């Protein structure tokens, strides 16, 4: 059984990523993503936190699935991404 509290923000994270995926040609992807983020922020601090946690949960789900699909350990995948996009 999935703990609904732990998944609470997941729909908000999915909404942000969906906005990015559904960007129309000619419309900057950032504009759509920011509008989705702002919609969450306008709902107040709880919505902001839920959106952030939802994005983190979505990232962890996708990382685990990538690990399973490639056979590459999650830590190694993250290290590879970090090396490619240094902060």
PDB file of N, CA and C in Angstrom:
ATOM      1  N   UNK A   1       0.842  -1.184   0.000  1.00  0.00           N
ATOM      2  CA  UNK A   1       0.000   0.000   0.000  1.00  0.00           C
ATOM      3  C   UNK A   1       0.893   1.255   0.000  1.00  0.00           C
ATOM      4  N   UNK A   2       0.529   2.212  -0.812  1.00  0.00           N
ATOM      5  CA  UNK A   2       1.304   3.443  -0.928  1.00  0.00           C
ATOM      6  C   UNK A   2       0.837   4.426   0.135  1.00  0.00           C
ATOM      7  N   UNK A   3       1.800   5.021   0.825  1.00  0.00           N
ATOM      8  CA  UNK A   3       1.494   6.036   1.834  1.00  0.00           C
ATOM      9  C   UNK A   3       1.066   7.308   1.119  1.00  0.00           C
ATOM     10  N   UNK A   4      -0.226   7.656   1.227  1.00  0.00           N
ATOM     11  CA  UNK A   4      -0.752   8.812   0.493  1.00  0.00           C
ATOM     12  C   UNK A   4      -0.104  10.121   0.925  1.00  0.00           C
ATOM     13  N   UNK A   5       0.363  10.208   2.158  1.00  0.00           N
ATOM     14  CA  UNK A   5       1.054  11.410   2.629  1.00  0.00           C
ATOM     15  C   UNK A   5       2.354  11.624   1.864  1.00  0.00           C
ATOM     16  N   UNK A   6       3.072  10.549   1.606  1.00  0.00           N
ATOM     17  CA  UNK A   6       4.356  10.648   0.897  1.00  0.00           C
ATOM     18  C   UNK A   6       4.156  10.990  -0.567  1.00  0.00           C
ATOM     19  N   UNK A   7       2.992  10.678  -1.129  1.00  0.00           N
ATOM     20  CA  UNK A   7       2.720  10.923  -2.541  1.00  0.00           C
ATOM     21  C   UNK A   7       1.906  12.198  -2.755  1.00  0.00           C
ATOM     22  N   UNK A   8       1.604  12.910  -1.703  1.00  0.00           N
ATOM     23  CA  UNK A   8       0.691  14.049  -1.756  1.00  0.00           C
ATOM     24  C   UNK A   8       1.086  15.108  -2.791  1.00  0.00           C
ATOM     25  N   UNK A   9       2.339  15.453  -2.878  1.00  0.00           N
ATOM     26  CA  UNK A   9       2.764  16.495  -3.809  1.00  0.00           C
ATOM     27  C   UNK A   9       3.055  15.992  -5.210  1.00  0.00           C
ATOM     28  N   UNK A  10       3.022  14.678  -5.400  1.00  0.00           N
ATOM     29  CA  UNK A  10       3.387  14.105  -6.697  1.00  0.00           C
ATOM     30  C   UNK A  10       2.569  14.678  -7.859  1.00  0.00           C
ATOM     31  N   UNK A  11       1.244  14.829  -7.731  1.00  0.00           N
ATOM     32  CA  UNK A  11       0.499  15.427  -8.852  1.00  0.00           C
ATOM     33  C   UNK A  11       0.989  16.822  -9.232  1.00  0.00           C
ATOM     34  N   UNK A  12       1.426  17.603  -8.261  1.00  0.00           N
ATOM     35  CA  UNK A  12       1.943  18.941  -8.565  1.00  0.00           C
ATOM     36  C   UNK A  12       3.256  18.838  -9.360  1.00  0.00           C
ATOM     37  N   UNK A  13       4.115  17.925  -8.967  1.00  0.00           N
ATOM     38  CA  UNK A  13       5.368  17.713  -9.698  1.00  0.00           C
ATOM     39  C   UNK A  13       5.112  17.224 -11.111  1.00  0.00           C
ATOM     40  N   UNK A  14       4.155  16.323 -11.247  1.00  0.00           N
ATOM     41  CA  UNK A  14       3.798  15.808 -12.568  1.00  0.00           C
ATOM     42  C   UNK A  14       3.234  16.931 -13.433  1.00  0.00           C
ATOM     43  N   UNK A  15       2.434  17.817 -12.847  1.00  0.00           N
ATOM     44  CA  UNK A  15       1.854  18.943 -13.597  1.00  0.00           C
ATOM     45  C   UNK A  15       2.946  19.852 -14.162  1.00  0.00           C
ATOM     46  N   UNK A  16       3.989  20.098 -13.375  1.00  0.00           N
ATOM     47  CA  UNK A  16       5.087  20.951 -13.845  1.00  0.00           C
ATOM     48  C   UNK A  16       5.812  20.278 -15.007  1.00  0.00           C
ATOM     49  N   UNK A  17       6.122  18.998 -14.861  1.00  0.00           N
ATOM     50  CA  UNK A  17       6.823  18.303 -15.938  1.00  0.00           C
ATOM     51  C   UNK A  17       5.935  18.148 -17.171  1.00  0.00           C
ATOM     52  N   UNK A  18       4.644  17.948 -16.979  1.00  0.00           N
ATOM     53  CA  UNK A  18       3.713  17.853 -18.102  1.00  0.00           C
ATOM     54  C   UNK A  18       3.662  19.170 -18.865  1.00  0.00           C
ATOM     55  N   UNK A  19       3.674  20.288 -18.146  1.00  0.00           N
ATOM     56  CA  UNK A  19       3.698  21.602 -18.810  1.00  0.00           C
ATOM     57  C   UNK A  19       4.927  21.719 -19.691  1.00  0.00           C
ATOM     58  N   UNK A  20       6.048  21.213 -19.211  1.00  0.00           N
ATOM     59  CA  UNK A  20       7.284  21.252 -19.995  1.00  0.00           C
ATOM     60  C   UNK A  20       7.151  20.376 -21.242  1.00  0.00           C
ATOM     61  N   UNK A  21       6.562  19.191 -21.097  1.00  0.00           N
ATOM     62  CA  UNK A  21       6.417  18.275 -22.226  1.00  0.00           C
ATOM     63  C   UNK A  21       5.434  18.792 -23.273  1.00  0.00           C
ATOM     64  N   UNK A  22       4.430  19.517 -22.830  1.00  0.00           N
ATOM     65  CA  UNK A  22       3.375  19.961 -23.721  1.00  0.00           C
ATOM     66  C   UNK A  22       3.636  21.340 -24.333  1.00  0.00           C
ATOM     67  N   UNK A  23       4.843  21.814 -24.235  1.00  0.00           N
ATOM     68  CA  UNK A  23       5.174  23.122 -24.802  1.00  0.00           C
ATOM     69  C   UNK A  23       4.877  23.109 -26.299  1.00  0.00           C
ATOM     70  N   UNK A  24       4.148  24.113 -26.732  1.00  0.00           N
ATOM     71  CA  UNK A  24       3.812  24.241 -28.159  1.00  0.00           C
ATOM     72  C   UNK A  24       5.026  24.757 -28.918  1.00  0.00           C
ATOM     73  N   UNK A  25       5.157  24.361 -30.180  1.00  0.00           N
ATOM     74  CA  UNK A  25       6.255  24.903 -30.974  1.00  0.00           C
ATOM     75  C   UNK A  25       6.155  26.432 -31.015  1.00  0.00           C
ATOM     76  N   UNK A  26       7.264  27.076 -30.812  1.00  0.00           N
ATOM     77  CA  UNK A  26       7.294  28.534 -30.829  1.00  0.00           C
ATOM     78  C   UNK A  26       7.053  29.174 -29.474  1.00  0.00           C
ATOM     79  N   UNK A  27       6.575  28.393 -28.508  1.00  0.00           N
ATOM     80  CA  UNK A  27       6.357  28.920 -27.155  1.00  0.00           C
ATOM     81  C   UNK A  27       7.505  28.428 -26.294  1.00  0.00           C
ATOM     82  N   UNK A  28       8.219  29.345 -25.678  1.00  0.00           N
ATOM     83  CA  UNK A  28       9.345  28.912 -24.844  1.00  0.00           C
ATOM     84  C   UNK A  28       8.872  27.957 -23.741  1.00  0.00           C
ATOM     85  N   UNK A  29       9.558  26.819 -23.635  1.00  0.00           N
ATOM     86  CA  UNK A  29       9.200  25.826 -22.614  1.00  0.00           C
ATOM     87  C   UNK A  29       9.225  26.438 -21.224  1.00  0.00           C
ATOM     88  N   UNK A  30      10.212  27.298 -20.989  1.00  0.00           N
ATOM     89  CA  UNK A  30      10.328  27.918 -19.669  1.00  0.00           C
ATOM     90  C   UNK A  30       9.075  28.689 -19.299  1.00  0.00           C
ATOM     91  N   UNK A  31       8.450  29.322 -20.268  1.00  0.00           N
ATOM     92  CA  UNK A  31       7.246  30.116 -20.003  1.00  0.00           C
ATOM     93  C   UNK A  31       6.118  29.231 -19.474  1.00  0.00           C
ATOM     94  N   UNK A  32       5.926  28.066 -20.095  1.00  0.00           N
ATOM     95  CA  UNK A  32       4.877  27.151 -19.642  1.00  0.00           C
ATOM     96  C   UNK A  32       5.193  26.577 -18.266  1.00  0.00           C
ATOM     97  N   UNK A  33       6.432  26.192 -18.082  1.00  0.00           N
ATOM     98  CA  UNK A  33       6.820  25.627 -16.794  1.00  0.00           C
ATOM     99  C   UNK A  33       6.668  26.673 -15.698  1.00  0.00           C
ATOM    100  N   UNK A  34       7.115  27.904 -15.961  1.00  0.00           N
ATOM    101  CA  UNK A  34       6.988  28.960 -14.952  1.00  0.00           C
ATOM    102  C   UNK A  34       5.535  29.259 -14.648  1.00  0.00           C
ATOM    103  N   UNK A  35       4.667  29.202 -15.659  1.00  0.00           N
ATOM    104  CA  UNK A  35       3.253  29.474 -15.383  1.00  0.00           C
ATOM    105  C   UNK A  35       2.676  28.391 -14.488  1.00  0.00           C
ATOM    106  N   UNK A  36       3.099  27.155 -14.669  1.00  0.00           N
ATOM    107  CA  UNK A  36       2.630  26.067 -13.801  1.00  0.00           C
ATOM    108  C   UNK A  36       3.195  26.233 -12.396  1.00  0.00           C
ATOM    109  N   UNK A  37       4.461  26.618 -12.291  1.00  0.00           N
ATOM    110  CA  UNK A  37       5.067  26.845 -10.979  1.00  0.00           C
ATOM    111  C   UNK A  37       4.362  27.997 -10.274  1.00  0.00           C
ATOM    112  N   UNK A  38       4.117  29.083 -11.003  1.00  0.00           N
ATOM    113  CA  UNK A  38       3.441  30.233 -10.404  1.00  0.00           C
ATOM    114  C   UNK A  38       2.033  29.891  -9.961  1.00  0.00           C
ATOM    115  N   UNK A  39       1.348  29.033 -10.698  1.00  0.00           N
ATOM    116  CA  UNK A  39       0.013  28.608 -10.284  1.00  0.00           C
ATOM    117  C   UNK A  39       0.077  27.914  -8.933  1.00  0.00           C
ATOM    118  N   UNK A  40       1.121  27.117  -8.715  1.00  0.00           N
ATOM    119  CA  UNK A  40       1.299  26.447  -7.426  1.00  0.00           C
ATOM    120  C   UNK A  40       1.673  27.437  -6.331  1.00  0.00           C
ATOM    121  N   UNK A  41       2.540  28.390  -6.661  1.00  0.00           N
ATOM    122  CA  UNK A  41       2.988  29.375  -5.681  1.00  0.00           C
ATOM    123  C   UNK A  41       1.827  30.268  -5.247  1.00  0.00           C
ATOM    124  N   UNK A  42       0.965  30.610  -6.195  1.00  0.00           N
ATOM    125  CA  UNK A  42      -0.191  31.457  -5.882  1.00  0.00           C
ATOM    126  C   UNK A  42      -1.133  30.809  -4.877  1.00  0.00           C
ATOM    127  N   UNK A  43      -1.070  29.487  -4.780  1.00  0.00           N
ATOM    128  CA  UNK A  43      -1.934  28.779  -3.842  1.00  0.00           C
ATOM    129  C   UNK A  43      -1.401  28.849  -2.414  1.00  0.00           C
ATOM    130  N   UNK A  44      -0.201  29.355  -2.231  1.00  0.00           N
ATOM    131  CA  UNK A  44       0.338  29.527  -0.886  1.00  0.00           C
ATOM    132  C   UNK A  44       1.530  28.638  -0.607  1.00  0.00           C
ATOM    133  N   UNK A  45       2.123  28.844   0.582  1.00  0.00           N
ATOM    134  CA  UNK A  45       3.359  28.136   0.925  1.00  0.00           C
ATOM    135  C   UNK A  45       3.209  26.621   1.002  1.00  0.00           C
ATOM    136  N   UNK A  46       2.053  26.139   1.410  1.00  0.00           N
ATOM    137  CA  UNK A  46       1.868  24.683   1.485  1.00  0.00           C
ATOM    138  C   UNK A  46       1.933  24.091   0.079  1.00  0.00           C
ATOM    139  N   UNK A  47       1.307  24.768  -0.878  1.00  0.00           N
ATOM    140  CA  UNK A  47       1.341  24.299  -2.260  1.00  0.00           C
ATOM    141  C   UNK A  47       2.765  24.320  -2.806  1.00  0.00           C
ATOM    142  N   UNK A  48       3.528  25.346  -2.444  1.00  0.00           N
ATOM    143  CA  UNK A  48       4.936  25.432  -2.865  1.00  0.00           C
ATOM    144  C   UNK A  48       5.728  24.235  -2.364  1.00  0.00           C
ATOM    145  N   UNK A  49       5.545  23.942  -1.098  1.00  0.00           N
ATOM    146  CA  UNK A  49       6.262  22.815  -0.486  1.00  0.00           C
ATOM    147  C   UNK A  49       5.825  21.510  -1.138  1.00  0.00           C
ATOM    148  N   UNK A  50       4.518  21.357  -1.349  1.00  0.00           N
ATOM    149  CA  UNK A  50       4.019  20.135  -1.982  1.00  0.00           C
ATOM    150  C   UNK A  50       4.564  19.988  -3.399  1.00  0.00           C
ATOM    151  N   UNK A  51       4.642  21.090  -4.142  1.00  0.00           N
ATOM    152  CA  UNK A  51       5.176  21.033  -5.489  1.00  0.00           C
ATOM    153  C   UNK A  51       6.646  20.608  -5.454  1.00  0.00           C
ATOM    154  N   UNK A  52       7.422  21.201  -4.569  1.00  0.00           N
ATOM    155  CA  UNK A  52       8.844  20.860  -4.449  1.00  0.00           C
ATOM    156  C   UNK A  52       9.005  19.390  -4.072  1.00  0.00           C
ATOM    157  N   UNK A  53       8.239  18.955  -3.096  1.00  0.00           N
ATOM    158  CA  UNK A  53       8.317  17.552  -2.681  1.00  0.00           C
ATOM    159  C   UNK A  53       7.842  16.628  -3.797  1.00  0.00           C
ATOM    160  N   UNK A  54       6.828  17.081  -4.552  1.00  0.00           N
ATOM    161  CA  UNK A  54       6.348  16.283  -5.674  1.00  0.00           C
ATOM    162  C   UNK A  54       7.398  16.129  -6.754  1.00  0.00           C
ATOM    163  N   UNK A  55       8.121  17.215  -7.041  1.00  0.00           N
ATOM    164  CA  UNK A  55       9.206  17.139  -8.026  1.00  0.00           C
ATOM    165  C   UNK A  55      10.313  16.208  -7.540  1.00  0.00           C
ATOM    166  N   UNK A  56      10.606  16.267  -6.239  1.00  0.00           N
ATOM    167  CA  UNK A  56      11.640  15.385  -5.677  1.00  0.00           C
ATOM    168  C   UNK A  56      11.190  13.923  -5.747  1.00  0.00           C
ATOM    169  N   UNK A  57       9.935  13.667  -5.428  1.00  0.00           N
ATOM    170  CA  UNK A  57       9.415  12.304  -5.469  1.00  0.00           C
ATOM    171  C   UNK A  57       9.419  11.783  -6.900  1.00  0.00           C
ATOM    172  N   UNK A  58       8.974  12.627  -7.836  1.00  0.00           N
ATOM    173  CA  UNK A  58       8.972  12.235  -9.243  1.00  0.00           C
ATOM    174  C   UNK A  58      10.394  11.925  -9.714  1.00  0.00           C
ATOM    175  N   UNK A  59      11.352  12.764  -9.331  1.00  0.00           N
ATOM    176  CA  UNK A  59      12.751  12.534  -9.714  1.00  0.00           C
ATOM    177  C   UNK A  59      13.241  11.198  -9.161  1.00  0.00           C
ATOM    178  N   UNK A  60      12.876  10.879  -7.927  1.00  0.00           N
ATOM    179  CA  UNK A  60      13.343   9.621  -7.330  1.00  0.00           C
ATOM    180  C   UNK A  60      12.705   8.415  -8.020  1.00  0.00           C
ATOM    181  N   UNK A  61      11.428   8.533  -8.384  1.00  0.00           N
ATOM    182  CA  UNK A  61      10.761   7.443  -9.100  1.00  0.00           C
ATOM    183  C   UNK A  61      11.434   7.223 -10.455  1.00  0.00           C
ATOM    184  N   UNK A  62      11.694   8.316 -11.165  1.00  0.00           N
ATOM    185  CA  UNK A  62      12.316   8.208 -12.482  1.00  0.00           C
ATOM    186  C   UNK A  62      13.748   7.682 -12.384  1.00  0.00           C
ATOM    187  N   UNK A  63      14.476   8.081 -11.349  1.00  0.00           N
ATOM    188  CA  UNK A  63      15.841   7.599 -11.155  1.00  0.00           C
ATOM    189  C   UNK A  63      15.852   6.086 -10.914  1.00  0.00           C
ATOM    190  N   UNK A  64      14.944   5.616 -10.077  1.00  0.00           N
ATOM    191  CA  UNK A  64      14.869   4.181  -9.795  1.00  0.00           C
ATOM    192  C   UNK A  64      14.507   3.414 -11.069  1.00  0.00           C
ATOM    193  N   UNK A  65      13.569   3.950 -11.837  1.00  0.00           N
ATOM    194  CA  UNK A  65      13.190   3.274 -13.090  1.00  0.00           C
ATOM    195  C   UNK A  65      14.336   3.271 -14.095  1.00  0.00           C
ATOM    196  N   UNK A  66      15.098   4.366 -14.153  1.00  0.00           N
ATOM    197  CA  UNK A  66      16.255   4.421 -15.042  1.00  0.00           C
ATOM    198  C   UNK A  66      17.314   3.408 -14.594  1.00  0.00           C
ATOM    199  N   UNK A  67      17.505   3.315 -13.294  1.00  0.00           N
ATOM    200  CA  UNK A  67      18.451   2.337 -12.755  1.00  0.00           C
ATOM    201  C   UNK A  67      18.027   0.918 -13.149  1.00  0.00           C
ATOM    202  N   UNK A  68      16.747   0.632 -13.016  1.00  0.00           N
ATOM    203  CA  UNK A  68      16.257  -0.706 -13.362  1.00  0.00           C
ATOM    204  C   UNK A  68      16.372  -0.970 -14.861  1.00  0.00           C
ATOM    205  N   UNK A  69      16.108   0.028 -15.679  1.00  0.00           N
ATOM    206  CA  UNK A  69      16.141  -0.139 -17.134  1.00  0.00           C
ATOM    207  C   UNK A  69      17.560  -0.299 -17.672  1.00  0.00           C
ATOM    208  N   UNK A  70      18.510   0.410 -17.058  1.00  0.00           N
ATOM    209  CA  UNK A  70      19.877   0.396 -17.588  1.00  0.00           C
ATOM    210  C   UNK A  70      20.807  -0.558 -16.845  1.00  0.00           C
ATOM    211  N   UNK A  71      20.445  -0.898 -15.610  1.00  0.00           N
ATOM    212  CA  UNK A  71      21.331  -1.718 -14.796  1.00  0.00           C
ATOM    213  C   UNK A  71      22.472  -0.910 -14.177  1.00  0.00           C
ATOM    214  N   UNK A  72      22.464   0.389 -14.400  1.00  0.00           N
ATOM    215  CA  UNK A  72      23.480   1.268 -13.829  1.00  0.00           C
ATOM    216  C   UNK A  72      22.994   1.743 -12.465  1.00  0.00           C
ATOM    217  N   UNK A  73      23.827   1.610 -11.428  1.00  0.00           N
ATOM    218  CA  UNK A  73      23.404   2.054 -10.100  1.00  0.00           C
ATOM    219  C   UNK A  73      23.014   3.538 -10.083  1.00  0.00           C
ATOM    220  N   UNK A  74      22.008   3.870  -9.296  1.00  0.00           N
ATOM    221  CA  UNK A  74      21.487   5.235  -9.211  1.00  0.00           C
ATOM    222  C   UNK A  74      22.595   6.236  -8.884  1.00  0.00           C
ATOM    223  N   UNK A  75      23.461   5.881  -7.961  1.00  0.00           N
ATOM    224  CA  UNK A  75      24.550   6.794  -7.584  1.00  0.00           C
ATOM    225  C   UNK A  75      25.432   7.100  -8.791  1.00  0.00           C
ATOM    226  N   UNK A  76      25.721   6.086  -9.581  1.00  0.00           N
ATOM    227  CA  UNK A  76      26.559   6.275 -10.770  1.00  0.00           C
ATOM    228  C   UNK A  76      25.835   7.150 -11.806  1.00  0.00           C
ATOM    229  N   UNK A  77      24.523   6.941 -11.958  1.00  0.00           N
ATOM    230  CA  UNK A  77      23.738   7.778 -12.866  1.00  0.00           C
ATOM    231  C   UNK A  77      23.800   9.245 -12.440  1.00  0.00           C
ATOM    232  N   UNK A  78      23.608   9.489 -11.150  1.00  0.00           N
ATOM    233  CA  UNK A  78      23.652  10.858 -10.639  1.00  0.00           C
ATOM    234  C   UNK A  78      25.034  11.480 -10.807  1.00  0.00           C
ATOM    235  N   UNK A  79      26.079  10.702 -10.548  1.00  0.00           N
ATOM    236  CA  UNK A  79      27.434  11.203 -10.713  1.00  0.00           C
ATOM    237  C   UNK A  79      27.704  11.565 -12.170  1.00  0.00           C
ATOM    238  N   UNK A  80      27.181  10.770 -13.090  1.00  0.00           N
ATOM    239  CA  UNK A  80      27.349  11.058 -14.509  1.00  0.00           C
ATOM    240  C   UNK A  80      26.653  12.349 -14.908  1.00  0.00           C
ATOM    241  N   UNK A  81      25.441  12.539 -14.389  1.00  0.00           N
ATOM    242  CA  UNK A  81      24.709  13.781 -14.672  1.00  0.00           C
ATOM    243  C   UNK A  81      25.441  14.978 -14.067  1.00  0.00           C
ATOM    244  N   UNK A  82      25.905  14.818 -12.841  1.00  0.00           N
ATOM    245  CA  UNK A  82      26.635  15.908 -12.163  1.00  0.00           C
ATOM    246  C   UNK A  82      27.904  16.275 -12.928  1.00  0.00           C
ATOM    247  N   UNK A  83      28.582  15.280 -13.466  1.00  0.00           N
ATOM    248  CA  UNK A  83      29.809  15.542 -14.225  1.00  0.00           C
ATOM    249  C   UNK A  83      29.500  16.280 -15.533  1.00  0.00           C
ATOM    250  N   UNK A  84      28.369  15.937 -16.152  1.00  0.00           N
ATOM    251  CA  UNK A  84      27.994  16.549 -17.415  1.00  0.00           C
ATOM    252  C   UNK A  84      27.491  17.983 -17.230  1.00  0.00           C
ATOM    253  N   UNK A  85      26.840  18.232 -16.099  1.00  0.00           N
ATOM    254  CA  UNK A  85      26.261  19.549 -15.830  1.00  0.00           C
ATOM    255  C   UNK A  85      26.771  20.091 -14.505  1.00  0.00           C
ATOM    256  N   UNK A  86      28.046  20.438 -14.432  1.00  0.00           N
ATOM    257  CA  UNK A  86      28.595  20.920 -13.165  1.00  0.00           C
ATOM    258  C   UNK A  86      27.942  22.233 -12.735  1.00  0.00           C
ATOM    259  N   UNK A  87      27.737  22.361 -11.446  1.00  0.00           N
ATOM    260  CA  UNK A  87      27.059  23.547 -10.907  1.00  0.00           C
ATOM    261  C   UNK A  87      28.003  24.617 -10.601  1.00  0.00           C
TER     262      UNK A  87
END
